[in-house]
Amino acid sequence: MIVIPTFNGEGHLRRLVSALQQFGTNGHKVCIVDGSSTDPGTLAYLDELRQGVPELDLAVLTSPNGYELAGVVAAIRTYPEEEYAVVMPDSCWPTSPYWLQQFHDRLGDATAVAWIKFQPCLFCCHEGHLEYIDQICGGHDNVPDSGFFGGILYTKTEALHKFDQDGRFNYPATCKVHSEAWERIWAILYHLYGYQVNHIIYGFNFNAVAAGVYPDFRKVFGGRGW
């Protein structure tokens, strides 16, 4: 299952859906979760998507919050039978047919694969991040050596269901600071539960991401309408 949280993201979504049609999904269901968008263009496009999209097994859900975590939670609770989840915001899109297979190829014995690893896990955190991290993780003293850039990951859903069962998703992200904190929280939770995480790219480079240097997959910054 490919989980795509969105909010007022018509332009991003159109590009992403078109890229998924072109480069494929490896047979995965596509689950777009709208965080109660208010933009008329986005709402009209979501209605269009609900009518079906050629080449894609696509569903559109709605969650009461515009930030990424709510989309992940809505998707795994709606489709608990899915074995794997690809979590990606609407500002990402594939650029080759290998875009999704590269994640699975790096999974091995691990539980998850993150697109880009940045160090350290608490890089650029401020007090608002730490307060929210402590709510969910019970502290930030014992952390792994990396965060997950953009919260972009490929994971066995058994881990997400375990986090959900243990109440880790009971603190919904309600602002951009919370959303940013999840780039660190994902890494901390997998570490706390003893789940191994592999990575495709080791070392965050803002300019490389912005310029589209990395192959098979792209992300842009801003413009989503939070």
Protein backbone atom coordinates (compact mmCIF):
# COMPACT_ATOMS: atom_id res chain seq x y z
CA MET A 1 0.00 0.00 0.00
CA ILE A 2 1.33 3.43 -0.97
CA VAL A 3 0.11 5.97 1.60
CA ILE A 4 -0.01 9.57 0.38
CA PRO A 5 -1.21 12.17 2.90
CA THR A 6 -2.26 15.45 1.28
CA PHE A 7 -3.76 18.82 2.11
CA ASN A 8 -4.59 21.46 -0.51
CA GLY A 9 -2.10 19.69 -2.74
CA GLU A 10 -3.75 19.61 -6.16
CA GLY A 11 -0.61 20.50 -8.11
CA HIS A 12 1.54 18.00 -6.23
CA LEU A 13 -1.08 15.28 -6.51
CA ARG A 14 -1.56 15.68 -10.25
CA ARG A 15 2.16 15.29 -10.84
CA LEU A 16 2.41 12.33 -8.47
CA VAL A 17 -0.58 10.44 -9.86
CA SER A 18 0.68 10.95 -13.40
CA ALA A 19 4.11 9.63 -12.40
CA LEU A 20 2.58 6.58 -10.71
CA GLN A 21 0.62 5.84 -13.89
CA GLN A 22 3.81 6.15 -15.93
CA PHE A 23 6.24 4.27 -13.69
CA GLY A 24 3.97 1.84 -11.83
CA THR A 25 3.35 0.77 -8.26
CA ASN A 26 4.67 -2.83 -8.18
CA GLY A 27 1.09 -3.94 -7.64
CA HIS A 28 0.56 -1.86 -4.50
CA LYS A 29 -2.75 -0.18 -3.68
CA VAL A 30 -2.52 3.62 -3.70
CA CYS A 31 -4.22 5.25 -0.71
CA ILE A 32 -4.48 9.03 -0.83
CA VAL A 33 -5.58 10.48 2.51
CA ASP A 34 -6.93 14.02 2.39
CA GLY A 35 -6.49 16.01 5.58
CA SER A 36 -9.74 17.95 5.12
CA SER A 37 -8.56 20.18 2.28
CA THR A 38 -10.29 23.52 1.77
CA ASP A 39 -8.97 24.46 -1.69
CA PRO A 40 -11.74 24.08 -4.33
CA GLY A 41 -9.30 22.82 -6.97
CA THR A 42 -7.97 20.12 -4.66
CA LEU A 43 -11.47 19.03 -3.62
CA ALA A 44 -12.57 18.79 -7.26
CA TYR A 45 -9.48 16.75 -8.17
CA LEU A 46 -10.02 14.38 -5.23
CA ASP A 47 -13.58 13.81 -6.44
CA GLU A 48 -12.17 13.03 -9.88
CA LEU A 49 -9.74 10.52 -8.36
CA ARG A 50 -12.58 8.81 -6.50
CA GLN A 51 -14.09 7.92 -9.87
CA GLY A 52 -11.06 5.76 -10.64
CA VAL A 53 -7.69 6.20 -12.34
CA PRO A 54 -6.41 4.06 -15.23
CA GLU A 55 -3.52 1.73 -14.31
CA LEU A 56 -3.96 2.35 -10.56
CA ASP A 57 -5.78 0.58 -7.73
CA LEU A 58 -6.55 3.84 -5.96
CA ALA A 59 -8.65 4.83 -2.95
CA VAL A 60 -9.24 8.27 -1.43
CA LEU A 61 -9.82 8.60 2.32
CA THR A 62 -10.39 11.65 4.51
CA SER A 63 -8.85 12.36 7.91
CA PRO A 64 -9.64 15.29 10.23
CA ASN A 65 -6.07 16.60 10.28
CA GLY A 66 -3.90 17.87 7.44
CA TYR A 67 -0.59 16.52 8.65
CA GLU A 68 1.11 13.34 7.52
CA LEU A 69 0.66 11.16 10.62
CA ALA A 70 -3.14 11.27 10.40
CA GLY A 71 -2.94 9.94 6.86
CA VAL A 72 -0.77 7.01 7.88
CA VAL A 73 -3.07 6.10 10.76
CA ALA A 74 -6.22 6.33 8.62
CA ALA A 75 -4.69 4.11 5.94
CA ILE A 76 -3.42 1.30 8.18
CA ARG A 77 -6.69 1.20 10.14
CA THR A 78 -8.75 1.10 6.94
CA TYR A 79 -6.59 -1.55 5.25
CA PRO A 80 -5.10 -3.61 8.11
CA GLU A 81 -4.50 -6.57 5.79
CA GLU A 82 -1.79 -4.78 3.81
CA GLU A 83 1.64 -6.31 4.52
CA TYR A 84 3.78 -3.36 3.43
CA ALA A 85 3.30 0.40 3.46
CA VAL A 86 5.17 3.03 1.48
CA VAL A 87 4.75 6.33 3.33
CA MET A 88 5.36 9.43 1.23
CA PRO A 89 3.97 12.99 1.16
CA ASP A 90 2.28 14.34 -1.95
CA SER A 91 5.37 16.43 -2.72
CA CYS A 92 7.27 13.29 -3.83
CA TRP A 93 7.08 11.49 -7.13
CA PRO A 94 8.86 8.62 -8.93
CA THR A 95 11.14 9.23 -11.89
CA SER A 96 11.85 5.66 -13.03
CA PRO A 97 10.21 2.22 -12.98
CA TYR A 98 12.73 1.19 -10.27
CA TRP A 99 11.53 3.80 -7.78
CA LEU A 100 9.67 1.38 -5.50
CA GLN A 101 11.68 -1.77 -6.12
CA GLN A 102 14.78 -0.01 -4.78
CA PHE A 103 13.14 0.13 -1.35
CA HIS A 104 12.20 -3.55 -1.36
CA ASP A 105 15.65 -4.55 -2.64
CA ARG A 106 17.23 -2.96 0.44
CA LEU A 107 14.79 -4.42 2.96
CA GLY A 108 16.52 -7.77 3.58
CA ASP A 109 16.02 -8.77 7.23
CA ALA A 110 15.11 -5.22 8.25
CA THR A 111 11.65 -3.94 9.12
CA ALA A 112 11.85 -0.67 7.19
CA VAL A 113 13.84 1.21 4.57
CA ALA A 114 14.12 4.99 4.73
CA TRP A 115 14.87 7.03 1.62
CA ILE A 116 17.47 9.40 3.12
CA LYS A 117 19.28 9.08 6.45
CA PHE A 118 20.33 12.30 8.14
CA GLN A 119 22.48 12.56 11.25
CA PRO A 120 22.12 12.98 14.11
CA CYS A 121 18.52 12.02 14.86
CA LEU A 122 17.90 15.26 16.80
CA PHE A 123 19.52 17.43 14.14
CA CYS A 124 18.04 20.96 14.17
CA CYS A 125 15.51 20.12 16.87
CA HIS A 126 14.16 22.92 19.03
CA GLU A 127 12.07 22.88 22.20
CA GLY A 128 8.74 22.43 20.38
CA HIS A 129 10.07 19.37 18.60
CA LEU A 130 11.47 17.87 21.80
CA GLU A 131 8.26 18.35 23.81
CA TYR A 132 6.27 16.50 21.16
CA ILE A 133 8.93 13.79 20.78
CA ASP A 134 8.91 13.22 24.54
CA GLN A 135 5.11 12.83 24.54
CA ILE A 136 5.26 9.98 22.06
CA CYS A 137 8.60 8.35 22.82
CA GLY A 138 8.81 8.87 26.58
CA GLY A 139 11.99 10.90 26.31
CA HIS A 140 14.79 11.57 23.86
CA ASP A 141 17.88 10.45 25.78
CA ASN A 142 18.23 7.07 24.04
CA VAL A 143 18.02 7.80 20.33
CA PRO A 144 19.42 6.21 17.16
CA ASP A 145 22.06 7.84 15.00
CA SER A 146 19.71 8.94 12.25
CA GLY A 147 16.43 10.54 11.30
CA PHE A 148 14.25 9.78 8.27
CA PHE A 149 14.20 12.71 5.87
CA GLY A 150 10.64 13.73 5.07
CA GLY A 151 9.25 10.71 6.90
CA ILE A 152 9.63 8.81 3.61
CA LEU A 153 9.85 5.09 4.28
CA TYR A 154 8.94 1.60 3.15
CA THR A 155 7.91 -0.57 6.09
CA LYS A 156 6.31 -3.79 7.14
CA THR A 157 2.93 -2.74 8.49
CA GLU A 158 3.32 -5.04 11.49
CA ALA A 159 5.54 -2.30 12.97
CA LEU A 160 2.94 0.42 12.35
CA HIS A 161 0.20 -1.70 13.91
CA LYS A 162 2.40 -2.32 16.96
CA PHE A 163 3.02 1.41 17.35
CA ASP A 164 -0.73 2.01 17.03
CA GLN A 165 -1.64 -0.69 19.57
CA ASP A 166 0.82 0.80 22.07
CA GLY A 167 -0.70 4.27 21.77
CA ARG A 168 2.17 5.93 19.91
CA PHE A 169 -0.32 7.42 17.43
CA ASN A 170 -2.55 8.91 20.14
CA TYR A 171 -0.90 12.33 19.82
CA PRO A 172 -1.91 13.63 16.39
CA ALA A 173 0.28 16.22 14.72
CA THR A 174 -1.55 19.53 14.93
CA CYS A 175 1.04 21.92 13.49
CA LYS A 176 4.05 22.01 11.19
CA VAL A 177 6.42 21.63 14.16
CA HIS A 178 4.78 18.31 15.03
CA SER A 179 4.97 17.19 11.42
CA GLU A 180 8.68 17.99 11.31
CA ALA A 181 9.22 16.11 14.56
CA TRP A 182 7.99 12.88 12.96
CA GLU A 183 11.14 12.82 10.84
CA ARG A 184 12.89 12.06 14.14
CA ILE A 185 10.09 10.14 15.87
CA TRP A 186 9.93 7.41 13.22
CA ALA A 187 13.61 6.68 13.72
CA ILE A 188 13.29 6.70 17.51
CA LEU A 189 10.29 4.35 17.53
CA TYR A 190 11.92 1.78 15.26
CA HIS A 191 15.00 1.97 17.49
CA LEU A 192 12.99 1.59 20.73
CA TYR A 193 11.22 -1.52 19.41
CA GLY A 194 14.44 -3.10 18.17
CA TYR A 195 13.44 -2.93 14.51
CA GLN A 196 16.28 -2.71 12.01
CA VAL A 197 16.11 0.11 9.47
CA ASN A 198 18.10 0.22 6.24
CA HIS A 199 18.58 3.29 4.04
CA ILE A 200 18.89 4.03 0.34
CA ILE A 201 20.90 7.25 0.70
CA TYR A 202 23.23 7.87 3.64
CA GLY A 203 23.60 11.53 4.45
CA PHE A 204 21.16 14.38 3.92
CA ASN A 205 22.09 17.02 1.36
CA PHE A 206 19.44 19.71 0.93
CA ASN A 207 20.85 21.00 -2.34
CA ALA A 208 21.04 17.50 -3.83
CA VAL A 209 17.40 16.81 -2.93
CA ALA A 210 16.24 20.19 -4.26
CA ALA A 211 18.17 19.69 -7.50
CA GLY A 212 16.88 16.16 -8.07
CA VAL A 213 20.36 14.64 -7.98
CA TYR A 214 19.27 11.35 -6.42
CA PRO A 215 17.92 8.81 -8.94
CA ASP A 216 14.49 7.17 -9.23
CA PHE A 217 12.59 9.42 -6.81
CA ARG A 218 12.17 13.15 -6.20
CA LYS A 219 10.81 15.56 -3.62
CA VAL A 220 10.18 19.29 -3.69
CA PHE A 221 9.93 21.68 -0.75
CA GLY A 222 7.01 23.89 0.20
CA GLY A 223 3.90 24.85 -1.70
CA ARG A 224 1.57 22.30 -0.17
CA GLY A 225 -0.71 24.83 1.53
CA TRP A 226 -0.38 23.93 5.21
